[in-house]
Protein backbone atom coordinates (compact mmCIF):
# COMPACT_ATOMS: atom_id res chain seq x y z
CA MET A 1 23.17 17.59 -71.84
CA VAL A 2 25.35 20.69 -71.96
CA VAL A 3 27.88 18.94 -74.28
CA GLY A 4 25.10 17.90 -76.68
CA LEU A 5 23.90 21.50 -76.97
CA LEU A 6 27.42 22.74 -77.75
CA VAL A 7 27.81 20.28 -80.60
CA ALA A 8 24.44 21.16 -82.08
CA THR A 9 24.59 24.98 -81.93
CA GLY A 10 28.18 25.63 -82.84
CA PRO A 11 30.37 28.59 -81.86
CA VAL A 12 27.66 31.24 -82.24
CA ALA A 13 25.77 30.30 -79.10
CA HIS A 14 28.78 29.15 -77.10
CA GLY A 15 28.89 32.22 -74.85
CA ALA A 16 25.19 32.05 -74.09
CA LEU A 17 25.43 28.39 -73.30
CA LEU A 18 28.29 28.96 -70.92
CA ALA A 19 26.26 31.61 -69.10
CA GLN A 20 23.28 29.28 -68.96
CA GLU A 21 25.49 26.45 -67.60
CA ALA A 22 26.90 28.73 -64.91
CA GLN A 23 23.38 29.69 -63.92
CA ILE A 24 22.35 26.05 -63.71
CA GLN A 25 25.36 25.18 -61.54
CA LYS A 26 24.50 28.10 -59.25
CA LEU A 27 20.93 26.87 -58.90
CA GLN A 28 22.15 23.34 -58.22
CA ALA A 29 24.51 24.58 -55.49
CA GLN A 30 21.69 26.57 -53.86
CA GLU A 31 19.40 23.54 -53.98
CA SER A 32 22.12 21.32 -52.44
CA HIS A 33 22.69 23.84 -49.63
CA ALA A 34 18.97 24.05 -48.98
CA GLN A 35 18.67 20.27 -48.79
CA SER A 36 21.61 20.10 -46.35
CA SER A 37 19.98 22.74 -44.11
CA ARG A 38 16.65 20.93 -44.12
CA ALA A 39 18.38 17.67 -43.21
CA GLN A 40 20.14 19.31 -40.23
CA GLU A 41 16.88 20.84 -38.98
CA SER A 42 15.14 17.48 -39.28
CA ARG A 43 17.82 15.69 -37.24
CA ALA A 44 17.68 18.39 -34.57
CA GLN A 45 13.93 17.98 -34.21
CA GLU A 46 14.08 14.19 -33.82
CA PRO A 47 13.76 12.96 -30.15
CA HIS A 48 16.83 11.35 -28.61
CA ALA A 49 14.91 8.33 -27.29
CA GLN A 50 11.94 6.84 -29.05
CA GLU A 51 8.86 6.33 -26.92
CA PRO A 52 7.69 2.72 -26.64
CA PRO A 53 4.76 1.86 -28.83
CA PRO A 54 1.39 1.86 -27.10
CA GLN A 55 0.44 -1.53 -25.61
CA ASP A 56 -2.48 -3.46 -26.89
CA PRO A 57 -5.53 -3.06 -24.56
CA GLN A 58 -6.08 -6.82 -24.62
CA ALA A 59 -2.48 -7.41 -23.52
CA GLN A 60 -2.93 -4.91 -20.66
CA ALA A 61 -6.08 -6.72 -19.51
CA ALA A 62 -4.28 -10.07 -19.63
CA GLY A 63 -1.44 -8.63 -17.53
CA ALA A 64 -3.90 -7.34 -14.94
CA VAL A 65 -5.52 -10.78 -14.70
CA GLU A 66 -2.08 -12.35 -14.29
CA ASP A 67 -1.24 -9.93 -11.45
CA ASP A 68 -4.53 -10.71 -9.70
CA ARG A 69 -3.76 -14.41 -9.87
CA TYR A 70 -0.37 -13.85 -8.26
CA ASP A 71 -1.97 -11.69 -5.57
CA ASP A 72 -4.25 -14.59 -4.66
CA LEU A 73 -1.27 -16.93 -4.44
CA GLU A 74 0.54 -14.59 -2.05
CA GLU A 75 -2.34 -14.84 0.43
CA VAL A 76 -2.02 -18.62 0.77
CA VAL A 77 -0.70 -19.50 4.27
CA VAL A 78 0.52 -22.99 5.09
CA THR A 79 0.31 -23.90 8.76
CA ALA A 80 2.41 -26.82 9.95
CA PRO A 81 0.93 -29.13 12.58
CA ARG A 82 2.10 -28.46 16.12
CA THR A 83 4.46 -30.91 17.72
CA LEU A 84 3.55 -32.75 20.90
CA SER A 85 6.52 -31.18 22.67
CA ALA A 86 5.24 -27.69 21.80
CA MET A 87 1.79 -28.59 23.15
CA ARG A 88 3.37 -30.01 26.31
CA ALA A 89 5.40 -26.84 26.82
CA GLU A 90 2.24 -24.72 26.56
CA ILE A 91 0.51 -26.94 29.14
CA ASP A 92 3.44 -26.59 31.53
CA ALA A 93 3.42 -22.81 31.14
CA VAL A 94 -0.31 -22.60 31.95
CA GLN A 95 0.11 -24.95 34.92
CA ASN A 96 2.98 -22.85 36.27
CA ARG A 97 0.84 -19.74 36.01
CA ALA A 98 -2.07 -21.40 37.84
CA PHE A 99 0.13 -22.70 40.67
CA ALA A 100 1.91 -19.36 40.99
CA LEU A 101 -1.45 -17.68 41.46
CA PHE A 102 -2.48 -20.30 44.05
CA ASN A 103 0.78 -19.87 45.97
CA GLU A 104 0.32 -16.10 45.98
CA LEU A 105 -3.22 -16.32 47.33
CA ASN A 106 -2.49 -19.13 49.80
CA VAL A 107 -1.48 -17.94 53.26
CA ASP A 108 0.01 -21.27 54.42
CA ASN A 109 3.31 -21.84 52.60
CA ASP A 110 3.32 -25.51 53.62
CA TYR A 111 0.62 -26.05 50.96
CA ASP A 112 2.37 -24.16 48.18
CA ILE A 113 2.74 -26.30 45.03
CA VAL A 114 6.18 -26.42 43.39
CA CYS A 115 7.00 -27.98 39.99
CA GLN A 116 10.44 -29.22 38.99
CA ARG A 117 12.09 -31.83 36.78
CA GLU A 118 13.34 -34.99 38.46
CA THR A 119 14.90 -38.23 37.25
CA PRO A 120 13.12 -41.26 38.73
CA THR A 121 15.15 -44.09 40.22
CA GLY A 122 16.18 -46.58 37.53
CA SER A 123 15.63 -44.11 34.68
CA HIS A 124 17.75 -41.57 32.84
CA ILE A 125 14.81 -39.53 31.54
CA PRO A 126 13.82 -36.52 33.68
CA VAL A 127 10.11 -35.93 34.20
CA ARG A 128 8.09 -32.99 35.45
CA VAL A 129 6.84 -33.40 39.03
CA CYS A 130 4.50 -31.01 40.86
CA ARG A 131 3.79 -31.48 44.56
CA PRO A 132 3.02 -29.40 47.66
CA ARG A 133 5.78 -28.51 50.06
CA TYR A 134 4.38 -30.62 52.91
CA VAL A 135 5.21 -33.81 50.96
CA ASP A 136 8.92 -32.96 50.88
CA ARG A 137 8.79 -31.91 54.53
CA LEU A 138 7.17 -35.14 55.75
CA GLU A 139 9.45 -37.36 53.67
CA ALA A 140 12.53 -35.50 54.92
CA GLU A 141 11.40 -35.87 58.54
CA ALA A 142 10.83 -39.62 58.07
CA THR A 143 14.32 -40.01 56.57
CA GLN A 144 15.93 -38.08 59.46
CA ASP A 145 14.12 -40.21 62.04
CA PHE A 146 15.27 -43.39 60.32
CA LEU A 147 18.89 -42.21 60.17
CA ALA A 148 18.70 -41.23 63.85
CA GLY A 149 17.80 -44.81 64.77
CA ASP A 150 14.14 -44.24 65.56
CA GLY A 151 13.07 -46.77 62.94
CA PHE A 152 11.27 -46.26 59.69
CA PHE A 153 8.07 -44.24 59.78
CA ASP A 154 5.86 -44.23 56.66
CA PRO A 155 4.67 -40.64 56.04
CA GLY A 156 1.87 -41.84 53.73
CA GLY A 157 -0.87 -41.36 56.34
CA ASP A 158 0.15 -37.79 57.13
CA ILE A 159 0.46 -36.99 53.43
CA MET A 160 -3.12 -38.17 52.79
CA TYR A 161 -4.35 -36.06 55.72
CA HIS A 162 -2.78 -32.91 54.30
CA GLU A 163 -4.00 -33.84 50.82
CA ASP A 164 -7.61 -33.55 51.97
CA ILE A 165 -6.88 -30.10 53.36
CA LEU A 166 -5.21 -29.09 50.08
CA LYS A 167 -8.28 -30.15 48.08
CA GLN A 168 -10.48 -28.01 50.30
CA LYS A 169 -8.17 -25.05 49.81
CA LEU A 170 -8.23 -25.52 46.02
CA ALA A 171 -12.03 -25.80 45.90
CA ARG A 172 -12.48 -22.68 48.02
CA MET A 173 -10.01 -20.71 45.93
CA VAL A 174 -11.79 -21.69 42.69
CA GLU A 175 -15.04 -20.26 44.09
CA GLU A 176 -13.52 -17.08 45.49
CA HIS A 177 -11.06 -16.18 42.71
CA PRO A 178 -12.33 -16.25 39.09
CA GLU A 179 -8.83 -15.76 37.68
CA PHE A 180 -7.64 -18.95 39.33
CA HIS A 181 -10.73 -20.77 38.08
CA ALA A 182 -10.01 -19.59 34.50
CA ALA A 183 -6.38 -20.70 34.72
CA LEU A 184 -7.41 -24.21 35.82
CA GLU A 185 -10.00 -24.45 33.05
CA GLU A 186 -7.40 -23.50 30.46
CA TYR A 187 -5.00 -26.08 31.88
CA TYR A 188 -7.55 -28.90 31.71
CA ARG A 189 -8.60 -27.88 28.18
CA LEU A 190 -5.03 -27.99 26.90
CA GLN A 191 -4.31 -31.22 28.73
CA SER A 192 -7.38 -32.89 27.17
CA ALA A 193 -6.43 -31.69 23.68
CA TYR A 194 -2.89 -32.98 24.18
CA GLU A 195 -4.09 -36.44 25.22
CA ASP A 196 -6.47 -36.65 22.25
CA GLU A 197 -3.73 -35.62 19.81
CA ARG A 198 -1.27 -38.06 21.36
CA ARG A 199 -3.70 -40.97 21.05
CA GLU A 200 -4.47 -40.03 17.44
CA ARG A 201 -0.83 -39.88 16.37
CA PHE A 202 0.10 -43.15 18.10
CA ARG A 203 -3.19 -44.88 17.39
CA ASP A 204 -1.54 -47.98 15.87
CA SER A 205 1.42 -48.06 18.26
CA TRP A 206 1.83 -50.06 21.46
CA PHE A 207 3.69 -47.09 22.95
CA VAL A 208 0.57 -45.42 24.34
CA ARG A 209 -1.21 -48.57 25.48
């Protein structure tokens, strides 16, 4: 534009045009400096990290429903059925506790009941056996008499005699000691549940017949 004005006006207005051009260049420089300053201020005011856009309320509600569904799933508890061996172990523990209480209350140690694992003759599988001490004593005495040459004496009659006395002791202790009564009731309850479960699991097997 400046060149076009020079051609049209000629030499007379050349000085004025030069002054006007210098003024225009000065104004342009000031405007460029102002724009650069505004750009720097704008960049300084911008946050370093943009905040995430607000979430849709419907999406928040859907997320809450999803969390509630997972909370319900976390409360599900799966209980595996108990094994027969675990039930048998619980029965043995209760029986041991009942007999320990009887032995503590009983004043005649010959009638104390002792449980232990033994392997029957002709078998390789140990079994749990509970019997009063007088049984072992009478059988040991019969064996000693036989080895001494006095002949064989069957201790069965004496064992039955002491068995009647033991039953009387047990009945009297059940009446006089509620804790012993409760231990026996728990034992019989567990034993009955074990037998029912065993018959149910082997219902179609000859093993339990």
